[in-house]
Amino acid sequence: MVNHDEEIVRRELDKDRDSPAMGVAENLAELEGKSIEELETTWDCVDGVLDHIFSNPPSPEAQLTITFTYEGYRITVEQNGRAEFVKVT
């Protein structure tokens, strides 16, 4: 049985920052050892969705989660700011 937990990188995003998607890009740049300028814009992937779920979150019972692919990673972001990065390529 393969344990995929070692392939998952967990981070906490700052939900109060002006652009939470930038936090995703910064974390990914760090994981890849790149500058943020070398990455594609997150706007094309999540189209401002992260900004919306953190600025106007639904009730806590909703436990909103978004999963998307960006720069070769499957990224899952929870409403509470937890994020998981899994390399898929």
PDB file of N, CA and C in Angstrom:
ATOM      1  N   MET A   1       0.841  -1.188   0.000  1.00  0.00           N
ATOM      2  CA  MET A   1       0.000   0.000   0.000  1.00  0.00           C
ATOM      3  C   MET A   1       0.886   1.251   0.000  1.00  0.00           C
ATOM      4  N   VAL A   2       0.593   2.187  -0.864  1.00  0.00           N
ATOM      5  CA  VAL A   2       1.383   3.407  -0.994  1.00  0.00           C
ATOM      6  C   VAL A   2       0.823   4.474  -0.059  1.00  0.00           C
ATOM      7  N   ASN A   3       1.704   5.140   0.679  1.00  0.00           N
ATOM      8  CA  ASN A   3       1.293   6.219   1.578  1.00  0.00           C
ATOM      9  C   ASN A   3       1.510   7.546   0.858  1.00  0.00           C
ATOM     10  N   HIS A   4       0.421   8.187   0.452  1.00  0.00           N
ATOM     11  CA  HIS A   4       0.520   9.445  -0.286  1.00  0.00           C
ATOM     12  C   HIS A   4       0.632  10.653   0.631  1.00  0.00           C
ATOM     13  N   ASP A   5       0.496  10.457   1.956  1.00  0.00           N
ATOM     14  CA  ASP A   5       0.592  11.592   2.878  1.00  0.00           C
ATOM     15  C   ASP A   5       1.943  12.291   2.786  1.00  0.00           C
ATOM     16  N   GLU A   6       3.005  11.539   2.490  1.00  0.00           N
ATOM     17  CA  GLU A   6       4.323  12.165   2.411  1.00  0.00           C
ATOM     18  C   GLU A   6       4.456  13.064   1.188  1.00  0.00           C
ATOM     19  N   GLU A   7       3.550  12.921   0.224  1.00  0.00           N
ATOM     20  CA  GLU A   7       3.572  13.745  -0.972  1.00  0.00           C
ATOM     21  C   GLU A   7       2.753  15.019  -0.809  1.00  0.00           C
ATOM     22  N   ILE A   8       2.014  15.117   0.270  1.00  0.00           N
ATOM     23  CA  ILE A   8       1.144  16.269   0.512  1.00  0.00           C
ATOM     24  C   ILE A   8       1.887  17.303   1.343  1.00  0.00           C
ATOM     25  N   VAL A   9       1.915  18.529   0.842  1.00  0.00           N
ATOM     26  CA  VAL A   9       2.497  19.640   1.595  1.00  0.00           C
ATOM     27  C   VAL A   9       1.338  20.470   2.121  1.00  0.00           C
ATOM     28  N   ARG A  10       1.288  20.659   3.420  1.00  0.00           N
ATOM     29  CA  ARG A  10       0.199  21.413   4.049  1.00  0.00           C
ATOM     30  C   ARG A  10       0.707  22.785   4.489  1.00  0.00           C
ATOM     31  N   ARG A  11      -0.105  23.783   4.215  1.00  0.00           N
ATOM     32  CA  ARG A  11       0.223  25.164   4.584  1.00  0.00           C
ATOM     33  C   ARG A  11      -1.029  25.859   5.104  1.00  0.00           C
ATOM     34  N   GLU A  12      -0.838  26.967   5.783  1.00  0.00           N
ATOM     35  CA  GLU A  12      -1.940  27.828   6.219  1.00  0.00           C
ATOM     36  C   GLU A  12      -1.853  29.124   5.421  1.00  0.00           C
ATOM     37  N   LEU A  13      -2.946  29.489   4.766  1.00  0.00           N
ATOM     38  CA  LEU A  13      -2.996  30.745   4.022  1.00  0.00           C
ATOM     39  C   LEU A  13      -3.552  31.840   4.916  1.00  0.00           C
ATOM     40  N   ASP A  14      -3.102  33.056   4.700  1.00  0.00           N
ATOM     41  CA  ASP A  14      -3.621  34.220   5.420  1.00  0.00           C
ATOM     42  C   ASP A  14      -4.937  34.639   4.776  1.00  0.00           C
ATOM     43  N   LYS A  15      -6.045  34.342   5.449  1.00  0.00           N
ATOM     44  CA  LYS A  15      -7.374  34.645   4.904  1.00  0.00           C
ATOM     45  C   LYS A  15      -7.651  36.141   4.865  1.00  0.00           C
ATOM     46  N   ASP A  16      -6.908  36.936   5.624  1.00  0.00           N
ATOM     47  CA  ASP A  16      -7.171  38.370   5.722  1.00  0.00           C
ATOM     48  C   ASP A  16      -6.378  39.207   4.728  1.00  0.00           C
ATOM     49  N   ARG A  17      -5.508  38.602   3.976  1.00  0.00           N
ATOM     50  CA  ARG A  17      -4.709  39.384   3.026  1.00  0.00           C
ATOM     51  C   ARG A  17      -5.576  39.816   1.851  1.00  0.00           C
ATOM     52  N   ASP A  18      -5.137  40.836   1.140  1.00  0.00           N
ATOM     53  CA  ASP A  18      -5.901  41.374   0.017  1.00  0.00           C
ATOM     54  C   ASP A  18      -6.083  40.363  -1.112  1.00  0.00           C
ATOM     55  N   SER A  19      -5.087  39.523  -1.345  1.00  0.00           N
ATOM     56  CA  SER A  19      -5.163  38.553  -2.441  1.00  0.00           C
ATOM     57  C   SER A  19      -4.731  37.174  -1.945  1.00  0.00           C
ATOM     58  N   PRO A  20      -5.685  36.362  -1.458  1.00  0.00           N
ATOM     59  CA  PRO A  20      -5.322  35.025  -0.991  1.00  0.00           C
ATOM     60  C   PRO A  20      -4.700  34.158  -2.097  1.00  0.00           C
ATOM     61  N   ALA A  21      -5.099  34.369  -3.333  1.00  0.00           N
ATOM     62  CA  ALA A  21      -4.517  33.601  -4.430  1.00  0.00           C
ATOM     63  C   ALA A  21      -3.019  33.867  -4.546  1.00  0.00           C
ATOM     64  N   MET A  22      -2.592  35.052  -4.181  1.00  0.00           N
ATOM     65  CA  MET A  22      -1.161  35.364  -4.185  1.00  0.00           C
ATOM     66  C   MET A  22      -0.442  34.505  -3.142  1.00  0.00           C
ATOM     67  N   GLY A  23      -1.114  34.219  -2.038  1.00  0.00           N
ATOM     68  CA  GLY A  23      -0.536  33.325  -1.029  1.00  0.00           C
ATOM     69  C   GLY A  23      -0.311  31.931  -1.585  1.00  0.00           C
ATOM     70  N   VAL A  24      -1.238  31.454  -2.414  1.00  0.00           N
ATOM     71  CA  VAL A  24      -1.075  30.163  -3.073  1.00  0.00           C
ATOM     72  C   VAL A  24       0.161  30.211  -3.966  1.00  0.00           C
ATOM     73  N   ALA A  25       0.274  31.251  -4.773  1.00  0.00           N
ATOM     74  CA  ALA A  25       1.413  31.389  -5.690  1.00  0.00           C
ATOM     75  C   ALA A  25       2.731  31.482  -4.921  1.00  0.00           C
ATOM     76  N   GLU A  26       2.755  32.217  -3.834  1.00  0.00           N
ATOM     77  CA  GLU A  26       3.979  32.341  -3.041  1.00  0.00           C
ATOM     78  C   GLU A  26       4.408  30.996  -2.468  1.00  0.00           C
ATOM     79  N   ASN A  27       3.453  30.236  -1.950  1.00  0.00           N
ATOM     80  CA  ASN A  27       3.772  28.912  -1.418  1.00  0.00           C
ATOM     81  C   ASN A  27       4.281  27.984  -2.508  1.00  0.00           C
ATOM     82  N   LEU A  28       3.658  28.026  -3.668  1.00  0.00           N
ATOM     83  CA  LEU A  28       4.082  27.175  -4.770  1.00  0.00           C
ATOM     84  C   LEU A  28       5.480  27.565  -5.256  1.00  0.00           C
ATOM     85  N   ALA A  29       5.737  28.855  -5.353  1.00  0.00           N
ATOM     86  CA  ALA A  29       7.070  29.320  -5.763  1.00  0.00           C
ATOM     87  C   ALA A  29       8.127  28.800  -4.783  1.00  0.00           C
ATOM     88  N   GLU A  30       7.813  28.849  -3.502  1.00  0.00           N
ATOM     89  CA  GLU A  30       8.743  28.339  -2.494  1.00  0.00           C
ATOM     90  C   GLU A  30       8.966  26.834  -2.669  1.00  0.00           C
ATOM     91  N   LEU A  31       7.897  26.076  -2.895  1.00  0.00           N
ATOM     92  CA  LEU A  31       8.022  24.628  -3.085  1.00  0.00           C
ATOM     93  C   LEU A  31       8.887  24.284  -4.294  1.00  0.00           C
ATOM     94  N   GLU A  32       8.766  25.072  -5.345  1.00  0.00           N
ATOM     95  CA  GLU A  32       9.484  24.807  -6.586  1.00  0.00           C
ATOM     96  C   GLU A  32      10.845  25.499  -6.661  1.00  0.00           C
ATOM     97  N   GLY A  33      11.160  26.345  -5.680  1.00  0.00           N
ATOM     98  CA  GLY A  33      12.428  27.060  -5.710  1.00  0.00           C
ATOM     99  C   GLY A  33      12.497  28.081  -6.822  1.00  0.00           C
ATOM    100  N   LYS A  34      11.349  28.680  -7.130  1.00  0.00           N
ATOM    101  CA  LYS A  34      11.257  29.687  -8.192  1.00  0.00           C
ATOM    102  C   LYS A  34      10.859  31.028  -7.606  1.00  0.00           C
ATOM    103  N   SER A  35      11.023  32.064  -8.407  1.00  0.00           N
ATOM    104  CA  SER A  35      10.467  33.355  -8.011  1.00  0.00           C
ATOM    105  C   SER A  35       9.010  33.371  -8.453  1.00  0.00           C
ATOM    106  N   ILE A  36       8.223  34.158  -7.805  1.00  0.00           N
ATOM    107  CA  ILE A  36       6.798  34.231  -8.124  1.00  0.00           C
ATOM    108  C   ILE A  36       6.562  34.731  -9.547  1.00  0.00           C
ATOM    109  N   GLU A  37       7.496  35.526 -10.062  1.00  0.00           N
ATOM    110  CA  GLU A  37       7.371  36.048 -11.419  1.00  0.00           C
ATOM    111  C   GLU A  37       7.497  34.955 -12.481  1.00  0.00           C
ATOM    112  N   GLU A  38       8.082  33.814 -12.125  1.00  0.00           N
ATOM    113  CA  GLU A  38       8.245  32.710 -13.072  1.00  0.00           C
ATOM    114  C   GLU A  38       6.969  31.876 -13.224  1.00  0.00           C
ATOM    115  N   LEU A  39       5.984  32.095 -12.373  1.00  0.00           N
ATOM    116  CA  LEU A  39       4.748  31.319 -12.397  1.00  0.00           C
ATOM    117  C   LEU A  39       3.678  32.010 -13.235  1.00  0.00           C
ATOM    118  N   GLU A  40       2.762  31.206 -13.760  1.00  0.00           N
ATOM    119  CA  GLU A  40       1.594  31.761 -14.437  1.00  0.00           C
ATOM    120  C   GLU A  40       0.724  32.468 -13.411  1.00  0.00           C
ATOM    121  N   THR A  41      -0.106  33.376 -13.857  1.00  0.00           N
ATOM    122  CA  THR A  41      -1.005  34.055 -12.946  1.00  0.00           C
ATOM    123  C   THR A  41      -2.045  33.075 -12.403  1.00  0.00           C
ATOM    124  N   THR A  42      -2.403  33.207 -11.152  1.00  0.00           N
ATOM    125  CA  THR A  42      -3.429  32.341 -10.563  1.00  0.00           C
ATOM    126  C   THR A  42      -4.811  32.729 -11.054  1.00  0.00           C
ATOM    127  N   TRP A  43      -4.938  33.927 -11.568  1.00  0.00           N
ATOM    128  CA  TRP A  43      -6.256  34.407 -11.999  1.00  0.00           C
ATOM    129  C   TRP A  43      -6.872  33.477 -13.038  1.00  0.00           C
ATOM    130  N   ASP A  44      -6.054  32.968 -13.952  1.00  0.00           N
ATOM    131  CA  ASP A  44      -6.559  32.076 -14.991  1.00  0.00           C
ATOM    132  C   ASP A  44      -7.065  30.750 -14.420  1.00  0.00           C
ATOM    133  N   CYS A  45      -6.578  30.359 -13.257  1.00  0.00           N
ATOM    134  CA  CYS A  45      -6.970  29.072 -12.652  1.00  0.00           C
ATOM    135  C   CYS A  45      -8.196  29.190 -11.767  1.00  0.00           C
ATOM    136  N   VAL A  46      -8.215  30.190 -10.926  1.00  0.00           N
ATOM    137  CA  VAL A  46      -9.289  30.270  -9.925  1.00  0.00           C
ATOM    138  C   VAL A  46     -10.144  31.511 -10.062  1.00  0.00           C
ATOM    139  N   ASP A  47      -9.812  32.381 -11.004  1.00  0.00           N
ATOM    140  CA  ASP A  47     -10.675  33.503 -11.380  1.00  0.00           C
ATOM    141  C   ASP A  47     -11.257  34.280 -10.196  1.00  0.00           C
ATOM    142  N   GLY A  48     -10.448  34.536  -9.184  1.00  0.00           N
ATOM    143  CA  GLY A  48     -10.900  35.334  -8.044  1.00  0.00           C
ATOM    144  C   GLY A  48     -11.736  34.582  -7.027  1.00  0.00           C
ATOM    145  N   VAL A  49     -11.907  33.272  -7.203  1.00  0.00           N
ATOM    146  CA  VAL A  49     -12.753  32.491  -6.293  1.00  0.00           C
ATOM    147  C   VAL A  49     -12.209  32.522  -4.866  1.00  0.00           C
ATOM    148  N   LEU A  50     -10.893  32.395  -4.701  1.00  0.00           N
ATOM    149  CA  LEU A  50     -10.322  32.404  -3.353  1.00  0.00           C
ATOM    150  C   LEU A  50     -10.599  33.719  -2.651  1.00  0.00           C
ATOM    151  N   ASP A  51     -10.503  34.816  -3.385  1.00  0.00           N
ATOM    152  CA  ASP A  51     -10.804  36.117  -2.785  1.00  0.00           C
ATOM    153  C   ASP A  51     -12.224  36.120  -2.245  1.00  0.00           C
ATOM    154  N   HIS A  52     -13.128  35.541  -2.990  1.00  0.00           N
ATOM    155  CA  HIS A  52     -14.545  35.550  -2.601  1.00  0.00           C
ATOM    156  C   HIS A  52     -14.827  34.659  -1.393  1.00  0.00           C
ATOM    157  N   ILE A  53     -14.268  33.447  -1.359  1.00  0.00           N
ATOM    158  CA  ILE A  53     -14.609  32.566  -0.239  1.00  0.00           C
ATOM    159  C   ILE A  53     -14.040  33.059   1.082  1.00  0.00           C
ATOM    160  N   PHE A  54     -12.963  33.826   1.029  1.00  0.00           N
ATOM    161  CA  PHE A  54     -12.413  34.353   2.269  1.00  0.00           C
ATOM    162  C   PHE A  54     -13.034  35.686   2.664  1.00  0.00           C
ATOM    163  N   SER A  55     -13.547  36.461   1.708  1.00  0.00           N
ATOM    164  CA  SER A  55     -14.123  37.762   2.054  1.00  0.00           C
ATOM    165  C   SER A  55     -15.592  37.661   2.432  1.00  0.00           C
ATOM    166  N   ASN A  56     -16.311  36.718   1.855  1.00  0.00           N
ATOM    167  CA  ASN A  56     -17.726  36.538   2.149  1.00  0.00           C
ATOM    168  C   ASN A  56     -18.020  35.058   2.364  1.00  0.00           C
ATOM    169  N   PRO A  57     -17.444  34.480   3.398  1.00  0.00           N
ATOM    170  CA  PRO A  57     -17.637  33.034   3.538  1.00  0.00           C
ATOM    171  C   PRO A  57     -19.070  32.684   3.913  1.00  0.00           C
ATOM    172  N   PRO A  58     -19.513  31.525   3.440  1.00  0.00           N
ATOM    173  CA  PRO A  58     -20.818  31.042   3.868  1.00  0.00           C
ATOM    174  C   PRO A  58     -20.758  30.620   5.330  1.00  0.00           C
ATOM    175  N   SER A  59     -21.846  30.166   5.851  1.00  0.00           N
ATOM    176  CA  SER A  59     -21.889  29.765   7.260  1.00  0.00           C
ATOM    177  C   SER A  59     -20.860  28.681   7.526  1.00  0.00           C
ATOM    178  N   PRO A  60     -20.386  28.590   8.765  1.00  0.00           N
ATOM    179  CA  PRO A  60     -19.359  27.591   9.087  1.00  0.00           C
ATOM    180  C   PRO A  60     -19.784  26.166   8.742  1.00  0.00           C
ATOM    181  N   GLU A  61     -21.085  25.909   8.741  1.00  0.00           N
ATOM    182  CA  GLU A  61     -21.552  24.575   8.406  1.00  0.00           C
ATOM    183  C   GLU A  61     -21.236  24.205   6.955  1.00  0.00           C
ATOM    184  N   ALA A  62     -21.044  25.192   6.111  1.00  0.00           N
ATOM    185  CA  ALA A  62     -20.784  24.916   4.690  1.00  0.00           C
ATOM    186  C   ALA A  62     -19.434  24.253   4.489  1.00  0.00           C
ATOM    187  N   GLN A  63     -18.453  24.605   5.299  1.00  0.00           N
ATOM    188  CA  GLN A  63     -17.107  24.046   5.195  1.00  0.00           C
ATOM    189  C   GLN A  63     -16.637  24.016   3.744  1.00  0.00           C
ATOM    190  N   LEU A  64     -16.688  25.159   3.107  1.00  0.00           N
ATOM    191  CA  LEU A  64     -16.359  25.291   1.689  1.00  0.00           C
ATOM    192  C   LEU A  64     -14.917  24.878   1.410  1.00  0.00           C
ATOM    193  N   THR A  65     -14.732  24.104   0.345  1.00  0.00           N
ATOM    194  CA  THR A  65     -13.423  23.662  -0.111  1.00  0.00           C
ATOM    195  C   THR A  65     -13.370  23.836  -1.619  1.00  0.00           C
ATOM    196  N   ILE A  66     -12.231  24.300  -2.113  1.00  0.00           N
ATOM    197  CA  ILE A  66     -12.032  24.420  -3.557  1.00  0.00           C
ATOM    198  C   ILE A  66     -10.760  23.653  -3.915  1.00  0.00           C
ATOM    199  N   THR A  67     -10.817  22.897  -5.004  1.00  0.00           N
ATOM    200  CA  THR A  67      -9.662  22.156  -5.493  1.00  0.00           C
ATOM    201  C   THR A  67      -9.439  22.534  -6.950  1.00  0.00           C
ATOM    202  N   PHE A  68      -8.188  22.811  -7.298  1.00  0.00           N
ATOM    203  CA  PHE A  68      -7.849  23.199  -8.661  1.00  0.00           C
ATOM    204  C   PHE A  68      -6.417  22.791  -8.959  1.00  0.00           C
ATOM    205  N   THR A  69      -6.070  22.790 -10.230  1.00  0.00           N
ATOM    206  CA  THR A  69      -4.716  22.471 -10.662  1.00  0.00           C
ATOM    207  C   THR A  69      -4.029  23.758 -11.089  1.00  0.00           C
ATOM    208  N   TYR A  70      -2.794  23.908 -10.621  1.00  0.00           N
ATOM    209  CA  TYR A  70      -2.015  25.112 -10.921  1.00  0.00           C
ATOM    210  C   TYR A  70      -0.548  24.739 -10.946  1.00  0.00           C
ATOM    211  N   GLU A  71       0.117  25.014 -12.050  1.00  0.00           N
ATOM    212  CA  GLU A  71       1.564  24.812 -12.186  1.00  0.00           C
ATOM    213  C   GLU A  71       1.989  23.383 -11.822  1.00  0.00           C
ATOM    214  N   GLY A  72       1.185  22.390 -12.215  1.00  0.00           N
ATOM    215  CA  GLY A  72       1.551  20.999 -11.970  1.00  0.00           C
ATOM    216  C   GLY A  72       1.227  20.487 -10.578  1.00  0.00           C
ATOM    217  N   TYR A  73       0.448  21.222  -9.818  1.00  0.00           N
ATOM    218  CA  TYR A  73       0.031  20.799  -8.482  1.00  0.00           C
ATOM    219  C   TYR A  73      -1.486  20.761  -8.401  1.00  0.00           C
ATOM    220  N   ARG A  74      -2.006  19.786  -7.688  1.00  0.00           N
ATOM    221  CA  ARG A  74      -3.422  19.758  -7.323  1.00  0.00           C
ATOM    222  C   ARG A  74      -3.473  20.453  -5.968  1.00  0.00           C
ATOM    223  N   ILE A  75      -4.196  21.568  -5.900  1.00  0.00           N
ATOM    224  CA  ILE A  75      -4.230  22.403  -4.696  1.00  0.00           C
ATOM    225  C   ILE A  75      -5.648  22.405  -4.144  1.00  0.00           C
ATOM    226  N   THR A  76      -5.753  22.127  -2.865  1.00  0.00           N
ATOM    227  CA  THR A  76      -7.036  22.160  -2.182  1.00  0.00           C
ATOM    228  C   THR A  76      -6.952  23.225  -1.105  1.00  0.00           C
ATOM    229  N   VAL A  77      -7.905  24.148  -1.126  1.00  0.00           N
ATOM    230  CA  VAL A  77      -7.951  25.231  -0.140  1.00  0.00           C
ATOM    231  C   VAL A  77      -9.288  25.144   0.591  1.00  0.00           C
ATOM    232  N   GLU A  78      -9.221  25.149   1.898  1.00  0.00           N
ATOM    233  CA  GLU A  78     -10.424  25.114   2.714  1.00  0.00           C
ATOM    234  C   GLU A  78     -10.783  26.522   3.162  1.00  0.00           C
ATOM    235  N   GLN A  79     -12.027  26.705   3.508  1.00  0.00           N
ATOM    236  CA  GLN A  79     -12.535  28.007   3.936  1.00  0.00           C
ATOM    237  C   GLN A  79     -11.774  28.553   5.146  1.00  0.00           C
ATOM    238  N   ASN A  80     -11.244  27.672   5.976  1.00  0.00           N
ATOM    239  CA  ASN A  80     -10.522  28.100   7.172  1.00  0.00           C
ATOM    240  C   ASN A  80      -9.069  28.487   6.884  1.00  0.00           C
ATOM    241  N   GLY A  81      -8.640  28.401   5.614  1.00  0.00           N
ATOM    242  CA  GLY A  81      -7.294  28.817   5.235  1.00  0.00           C
ATOM    243  C   GLY A  81      -6.299  27.685   5.065  1.00  0.00           C
ATOM    244  N   ARG A  82      -6.669  26.469   5.435  1.00  0.00           N
ATOM    245  CA  ARG A  82      -5.759  25.337   5.242  1.00  0.00           C
ATOM    246  C   ARG A  82      -5.627  25.052   3.744  1.00  0.00           C
ATOM    247  N   ALA A  83      -4.416  24.716   3.350  1.00  0.00           N
ATOM    248  CA  ALA A  83      -4.155  24.409   1.936  1.00  0.00           C
ATOM    249  C   ALA A  83      -3.274  23.181   1.843  1.00  0.00           C
ATOM    250  N   GLU A  84      -3.545  22.362   0.821  1.00  0.00           N
ATOM    251  CA  GLU A  84      -2.731  21.191   0.547  1.00  0.00           C
ATOM    252  C   GLU A  84      -2.249  21.276  -0.885  1.00  0.00           C
ATOM    253  N   PHE A  85      -0.976  20.965  -1.081  1.00  0.00           N
ATOM    254  CA  PHE A  85      -0.342  20.986  -2.394  1.00  0.00           C
ATOM    255  C   PHE A  85       0.171  19.571  -2.695  1.00  0.00           C
ATOM    256  N   VAL A  86      -0.286  19.015  -3.811  1.00  0.00           N
ATOM    257  CA  VAL A  86       0.154  17.681  -4.229  1.00  0.00           C
ATOM    258  C   VAL A  86       0.655  17.790  -5.666  1.00  0.00           C
ATOM    259  N   LYS A  87       1.907  17.433  -5.876  1.00  0.00           N
ATOM    260  CA  LYS A  87       2.485  17.491  -7.221  1.00  0.00           C
ATOM    261  C   LYS A  87       1.850  16.392  -8.073  1.00  0.00           C
ATOM    262  N   VAL A  88       1.340  16.767  -9.248  1.00  0.00           N
ATOM    263  CA  VAL A  88       0.655  15.807 -10.105  1.00  0.00           C
ATOM    264  C   VAL A  88       1.394  15.546 -11.412  1.00  0.00           C
ATOM    265  N   THR A  89       2.443  16.277 -11.696  1.00  0.00           N
ATOM    266  CA  THR A  89       3.209  16.028 -12.920  1.00  0.00           C
ATOM    267  C   THR A  89       4.621  15.662 -12.586  1.00  0.00           C
TER     268      THR A  89
END
